Amino acid sequence: MKRTLSVLTLAMIGLALSLPEANADRRIFGYTYPYMTLPEGAFEIEHYLDMGLNGWDDPNTPKQEKEWTEVDWTHQVEFEYGITDNLDFGFYNVFRQKPYDDFVYEGLKLRTRYRFGERDRYGLDPAIYFEVGYFGDEVKLEEMLILSKVLGGWELSFNLKGEQEYKLNDKEWEFEVLPLFGFGYHFNPHVALSLEYYGKLKIEGGEYEYFANYLGPALSVAGGPFYWTLAVQPQLGTRDGIAAVQIRSLFGIQI
């Protein structure tokens, strides 16, 4: 897998350097949202590929497999449109294949993001984000505060995200609070490298479940109408039942 990622990364860098300057709604972080929104009238398609790696066990067997070749896959395809220069809208289709399970259509999500003013109007560039998702037996809500800053070639972004999930069958709420922070450097219009932190506090049934921390690098390449970002984050800890390493590939193309 490491060799495959290395070859793919080098190929994408080479392709990006051969293309004109990027004009897509570029995201140099895998998980942390930026301040900028899609321009008015612009349309973009984004594909999220998430991989959760761990020594997963098959819940249908009594033995412990601890099988790292079984991956928790999630695909999200987003159609994004710029309503105004400060407001955009996105529609997601979500597909998932859990370890030892089948590939299924999981649900859909709608989201919007609004940025306040133009860049550098305030000390930090603020934006807000809201999302609602329906997954058959679950309804999810998400709210997020975005604070970003660009200083020359440096880009910093902080997100504070709240998620609420209501399980229709169990009639039970689940809550998550996620602080995310990334800082990166644009070497040129085509290549950026960053370091990103991802935290998750989970509360289920009114009880504290865990607080997990992830930290890792992200590489972003861009050219013409597309960008591609790859983030790899090992867990800072050894908590079972969640990914020991989470990987996200994020590909966007503006039409």
Protein backbone atom coordinates (compact mmCIF):
# COMPACT_ATOMS: atom_id res chain seq x y z
CA MET A 1 0.00 0.00 0.00
CA LYS A 2 2.85 2.41 0.84
CA ARG A 3 4.40 1.84 -2.59
CA THR A 4 1.06 2.41 -4.31
CA LEU A 5 0.52 5.69 -2.45
CA SER A 6 4.04 6.85 -3.33
CA VAL A 7 3.64 6.10 -7.04
CA LEU A 8 0.22 7.74 -7.14
CA THR A 9 1.53 10.83 -5.34
CA LEU A 10 4.46 11.27 -7.74
CA ALA A 11 2.18 10.81 -10.74
CA MET A 12 -0.26 13.44 -9.48
CA ILE A 13 2.55 15.94 -8.77
CA GLY A 14 3.92 15.45 -12.27
CA LEU A 15 0.50 15.96 -13.82
CA ALA A 16 -0.19 19.08 -11.75
CA LEU A 17 3.11 20.71 -12.70
CA SER A 18 2.32 20.22 -16.39
CA LEU A 19 -1.02 22.06 -16.14
CA PRO A 20 -1.84 25.79 -15.89
CA GLU A 21 -2.45 27.55 -12.56
CA ALA A 22 -5.30 26.04 -10.56
CA ASN A 23 -8.73 27.70 -10.55
CA ALA A 24 -10.64 25.05 -8.59
CA ASP A 25 -12.03 25.61 -5.06
CA ARG A 26 -8.83 24.14 -3.66
CA ARG A 27 -8.54 22.49 -0.24
CA ILE A 28 -4.99 21.77 0.91
CA PHE A 29 -6.15 20.01 4.11
CA GLY A 30 -7.86 16.63 4.12
CA TYR A 31 -10.31 17.26 6.96
CA THR A 32 -10.11 20.96 7.90
CA TYR A 33 -12.35 23.29 5.89
CA PRO A 34 -10.98 26.56 4.44
CA TYR A 35 -12.61 29.98 4.59
CA MET A 36 -13.03 30.55 0.85
CA THR A 37 -16.28 29.60 -0.86
CA LEU A 38 -16.99 28.71 -4.47
CA PRO A 39 -17.46 31.81 -6.72
CA GLU A 40 -20.98 32.76 -7.79
CA GLY A 41 -22.23 30.53 -10.61
CA ALA A 42 -19.32 28.07 -10.36
CA PHE A 43 -19.98 24.32 -10.21
CA GLU A 44 -17.63 21.72 -8.79
CA ILE A 45 -17.62 17.97 -8.27
CA GLU A 46 -15.65 16.55 -5.34
CA HIS A 47 -14.95 12.94 -4.44
CA TYR A 48 -14.00 11.97 -0.89
CA LEU A 49 -12.41 8.58 -0.32
CA ASP A 50 -11.91 7.71 3.36
CA MET A 51 -10.00 4.66 4.57
CA GLY A 52 -10.02 3.48 8.18
CA LEU A 53 -7.18 1.06 8.94
CA ASN A 54 -6.91 -1.17 11.99
CA GLY A 55 -6.72 -4.83 12.95
CA TRP A 56 -10.48 -5.19 12.49
CA ASP A 57 -12.39 -8.20 13.84
CA ASP A 58 -15.31 -9.86 12.08
CA PRO A 59 -18.34 -9.42 14.40
CA ASN A 60 -19.93 -12.53 12.88
CA THR A 61 -17.22 -14.95 14.06
CA PRO A 62 -16.08 -15.92 17.59
CA LYS A 63 -12.36 -15.64 16.84
CA GLN A 64 -10.32 -12.44 16.66
CA GLU A 65 -8.99 -11.94 13.15
CA LYS A 66 -7.10 -8.65 13.70
CA GLU A 67 -7.08 -8.31 9.92
CA TRP A 68 -5.39 -5.18 8.55
CA THR A 69 -6.29 -6.03 4.96
CA GLU A 70 -9.96 -5.40 5.79
CA VAL A 71 -10.57 -1.66 5.32
CA ASP A 72 -13.40 0.60 6.44
CA TRP A 73 -14.18 2.41 3.15
CA THR A 74 -16.36 5.49 2.70
CA HIS A 75 -17.02 7.22 -0.63
CA GLN A 76 -18.72 10.61 -0.82
CA VAL A 77 -19.55 12.35 -4.10
CA GLU A 78 -20.40 16.03 -3.71
CA PHE A 79 -21.98 18.40 -6.22
CA GLU A 80 -21.15 21.95 -5.15
CA TYR A 81 -22.54 25.26 -6.49
CA GLY A 82 -21.70 28.89 -5.75
CA ILE A 83 -24.98 30.70 -5.00
CA THR A 84 -23.12 33.99 -4.39
CA ASP A 85 -19.44 34.78 -3.94
CA ASN A 86 -19.97 34.36 -0.18
CA LEU A 87 -22.45 31.46 -0.08
CA ASP A 88 -22.19 27.99 -1.57
CA PHE A 89 -24.27 24.82 -1.42
CA GLY A 90 -23.38 21.14 -1.62
CA PHE A 91 -25.25 17.85 -2.15
CA TYR A 92 -23.59 14.54 -1.20
CA ASN A 93 -24.25 10.89 -1.97
CA VAL A 94 -22.57 8.63 0.59
CA PHE A 95 -21.47 5.01 0.03
CA ARG A 96 -19.75 2.75 2.55
CA GLN A 97 -18.19 -0.68 2.92
CA LYS A 98 -17.40 -1.63 6.50
CA PRO A 99 -14.83 -4.36 7.23
CA TYR A 100 -16.22 -7.83 6.39
CA ASP A 101 -19.37 -6.21 4.96
CA ASP A 102 -20.91 -5.34 1.59
CA PHE A 103 -20.65 -2.08 -0.35
CA VAL A 104 -23.90 -0.15 0.19
CA TYR A 105 -25.49 3.21 -0.48
CA GLU A 106 -25.61 4.78 2.99
CA GLY A 107 -27.47 8.06 2.55
CA LEU A 108 -27.37 11.68 1.46
CA LYS A 109 -26.29 15.02 2.90
CA LEU A 110 -27.03 18.68 2.17
CA ARG A 111 -24.71 21.44 3.32
CA THR A 112 -24.13 25.18 3.02
CA ARG A 113 -21.19 27.44 3.86
CA TYR A 114 -21.15 31.23 4.28
CA ARG A 115 -18.08 33.43 4.60
CA PHE A 116 -18.14 36.88 6.17
CA GLY A 117 -16.58 39.64 4.06
CA GLU A 118 -13.45 39.47 1.97
CA ARG A 119 -10.11 38.04 2.96
CA ASP A 120 -8.14 40.08 5.55
CA ARG A 121 -11.14 42.22 6.48
CA TYR A 122 -10.84 40.87 10.02
CA GLY A 123 -7.90 39.53 12.01
CA LEU A 124 -9.02 36.01 11.07
CA ASP A 125 -11.21 35.16 8.09
CA PRO A 126 -14.49 33.72 9.49
CA ALA A 127 -17.08 31.42 7.93
CA ILE A 128 -19.89 29.18 9.15
CA TYR A 129 -21.07 25.79 7.88
CA PHE A 130 -24.27 23.80 8.35
CA GLU A 131 -25.12 20.27 7.20
CA VAL A 132 -28.02 17.84 7.49
CA GLY A 133 -27.87 14.16 6.54
CA TYR A 134 -30.38 11.32 6.23
CA PHE A 135 -29.18 7.71 6.47
CA GLY A 136 -32.39 5.67 6.71
CA ASP A 137 -32.35 4.88 10.42
CA GLU A 138 -30.32 7.97 11.38
CA VAL A 139 -30.58 11.73 11.00
CA LYS A 140 -27.42 13.80 11.42
CA LEU A 141 -26.87 17.51 11.96
CA GLU A 142 -23.56 19.33 11.79
CA GLU A 143 -22.53 22.90 12.59
CA MET A 144 -19.07 24.37 12.19
CA LEU A 145 -17.15 27.56 12.84
CA ILE A 146 -14.29 28.18 10.40
CA LEU A 147 -11.41 30.57 11.12
CA SER A 148 -8.64 30.89 8.53
CA LYS A 149 -5.66 33.06 7.68
CA VAL A 150 -3.33 33.27 4.68
CA LEU A 151 0.09 34.86 5.31
CA GLY A 152 2.13 34.85 2.14
CA GLY A 153 2.63 31.21 1.22
CA TRP A 154 1.35 30.00 4.61
CA GLU A 155 -2.26 28.92 5.12
CA LEU A 156 -3.80 28.23 8.53
CA SER A 157 -7.32 27.04 9.29
CA PHE A 158 -9.17 26.08 12.48
CA ASN A 159 -12.58 24.37 12.64
CA LEU A 160 -14.75 23.76 15.67
CA LYS A 161 -17.42 21.28 14.65
CA GLY A 162 -20.44 19.91 16.48
CA GLU A 163 -22.34 16.83 15.28
CA GLN A 164 -25.65 15.44 16.52
CA GLU A 165 -26.98 12.07 15.41
CA TYR A 166 -30.47 10.81 16.21
CA LYS A 167 -31.08 7.07 15.89
CA LEU A 168 -34.69 6.68 14.80
CA ASN A 169 -35.08 3.05 15.90
CA ASP A 170 -33.38 3.42 19.28
CA LYS A 171 -34.69 6.96 19.86
CA GLU A 172 -31.27 7.92 21.15
CA TRP A 173 -28.97 10.88 20.58
CA GLU A 174 -25.24 10.72 19.94
CA PHE A 175 -23.03 13.81 20.13
CA GLU A 176 -19.58 14.58 18.82
CA VAL A 177 -17.34 17.63 19.16
CA LEU A 178 -14.43 17.86 16.74
CA PRO A 179 -11.63 20.43 16.91
CA LEU A 180 -9.56 20.49 13.71
CA PHE A 181 -6.50 22.54 12.86
CA GLY A 182 -4.20 22.63 9.86
CA PHE A 183 -1.29 24.74 8.76
CA GLY A 184 0.42 24.39 5.43
CA TYR A 185 2.74 26.02 2.94
CA HIS A 186 2.16 26.66 -0.77
CA PHE A 187 5.50 26.05 -2.49
CA ASN A 188 3.98 27.32 -5.74
CA PRO A 189 0.48 27.45 -7.29
CA HIS A 190 0.62 23.69 -7.87
CA VAL A 191 2.01 22.06 -4.71
CA ALA A 192 1.25 22.54 -1.00
CA LEU A 193 2.27 20.52 2.04
CA SER A 194 0.56 20.71 5.43
CA LEU A 195 0.27 19.20 8.90
CA GLU A 196 -3.19 18.61 10.29
CA TYR A 197 -4.71 17.74 13.68
CA TYR A 198 -8.08 15.97 14.05
CA GLY A 199 -9.78 15.48 17.41
CA LYS A 200 -13.04 13.74 18.25
CA LEU A 201 -14.99 13.76 21.51
CA LYS A 202 -17.87 11.26 21.45
CA ILE A 203 -20.86 11.14 23.82
CA GLU A 204 -23.47 8.41 23.37
CA GLY A 205 -26.60 7.84 25.44
CA GLY A 206 -25.56 10.69 27.69
CA GLU A 207 -22.31 8.91 28.58
CA TYR A 208 -18.75 9.91 27.70
CA GLU A 209 -17.31 7.38 25.24
CA TYR A 210 -13.86 8.63 24.26
CA PHE A 211 -11.68 11.45 23.00
CA ALA A 212 -9.46 10.44 20.09
CA ASN A 213 -6.60 12.39 18.52
CA TYR A 214 -5.08 12.09 15.06
CA LEU A 215 -2.13 13.98 13.57
CA GLY A 216 -0.47 13.69 10.19
CA PRO A 217 0.66 15.28 6.93
CA ALA A 218 -1.31 16.20 3.83
CA LEU A 219 -0.04 16.74 0.31
CA SER A 220 -2.06 18.82 -2.16
CA VAL A 221 -1.45 19.23 -5.88
CA ALA A 222 -3.45 21.36 -8.29
CA GLY A 223 -3.51 22.43 -11.91
CA GLY A 224 -6.13 23.93 -14.21
CA PRO A 225 -9.63 22.95 -13.10
CA PHE A 226 -8.65 20.23 -10.61
CA TYR A 227 -6.96 19.63 -7.28
CA TRP A 228 -6.10 16.49 -5.34
CA THR A 229 -5.26 16.24 -1.64
CA LEU A 230 -4.04 13.18 0.26
CA ALA A 231 -4.00 13.16 4.08
CA VAL A 232 -2.62 10.37 6.29
CA GLN A 233 -3.23 10.55 10.04
CA PRO A 234 -2.14 7.96 12.62
CA GLN A 235 -4.06 7.89 15.89
CA LEU A 236 -2.18 9.40 18.82
CA GLY A 237 -3.09 6.54 21.10
CA THR A 238 -4.15 2.90 20.99
CA ARG A 239 -7.91 3.03 21.40
CA ASP A 240 -9.63 -0.05 19.92
CA GLY A 241 -12.83 0.05 17.90
CA ILE A 242 -11.83 3.08 15.81
CA ALA A 243 -9.28 3.56 13.05
CA ALA A 244 -5.63 3.32 14.08
CA VAL A 245 -4.83 5.22 10.87
CA GLN A 246 -7.25 7.33 8.87
CA ILE A 247 -6.52 8.27 5.25
CA ARG A 248 -8.45 10.67 3.05
CA SER A 249 -8.15 11.28 -0.67
CA LEU A 250 -9.98 14.42 -1.79
CA PHE A 251 -10.33 15.15 -5.51
CA GLY A 252 -12.13 18.18 -6.93
CA ILE A 253 -12.75 19.43 -10.44
CA GLN A 254 -14.45 22.71 -11.35
CA ILE A 255 -16.69 22.67 -14.40
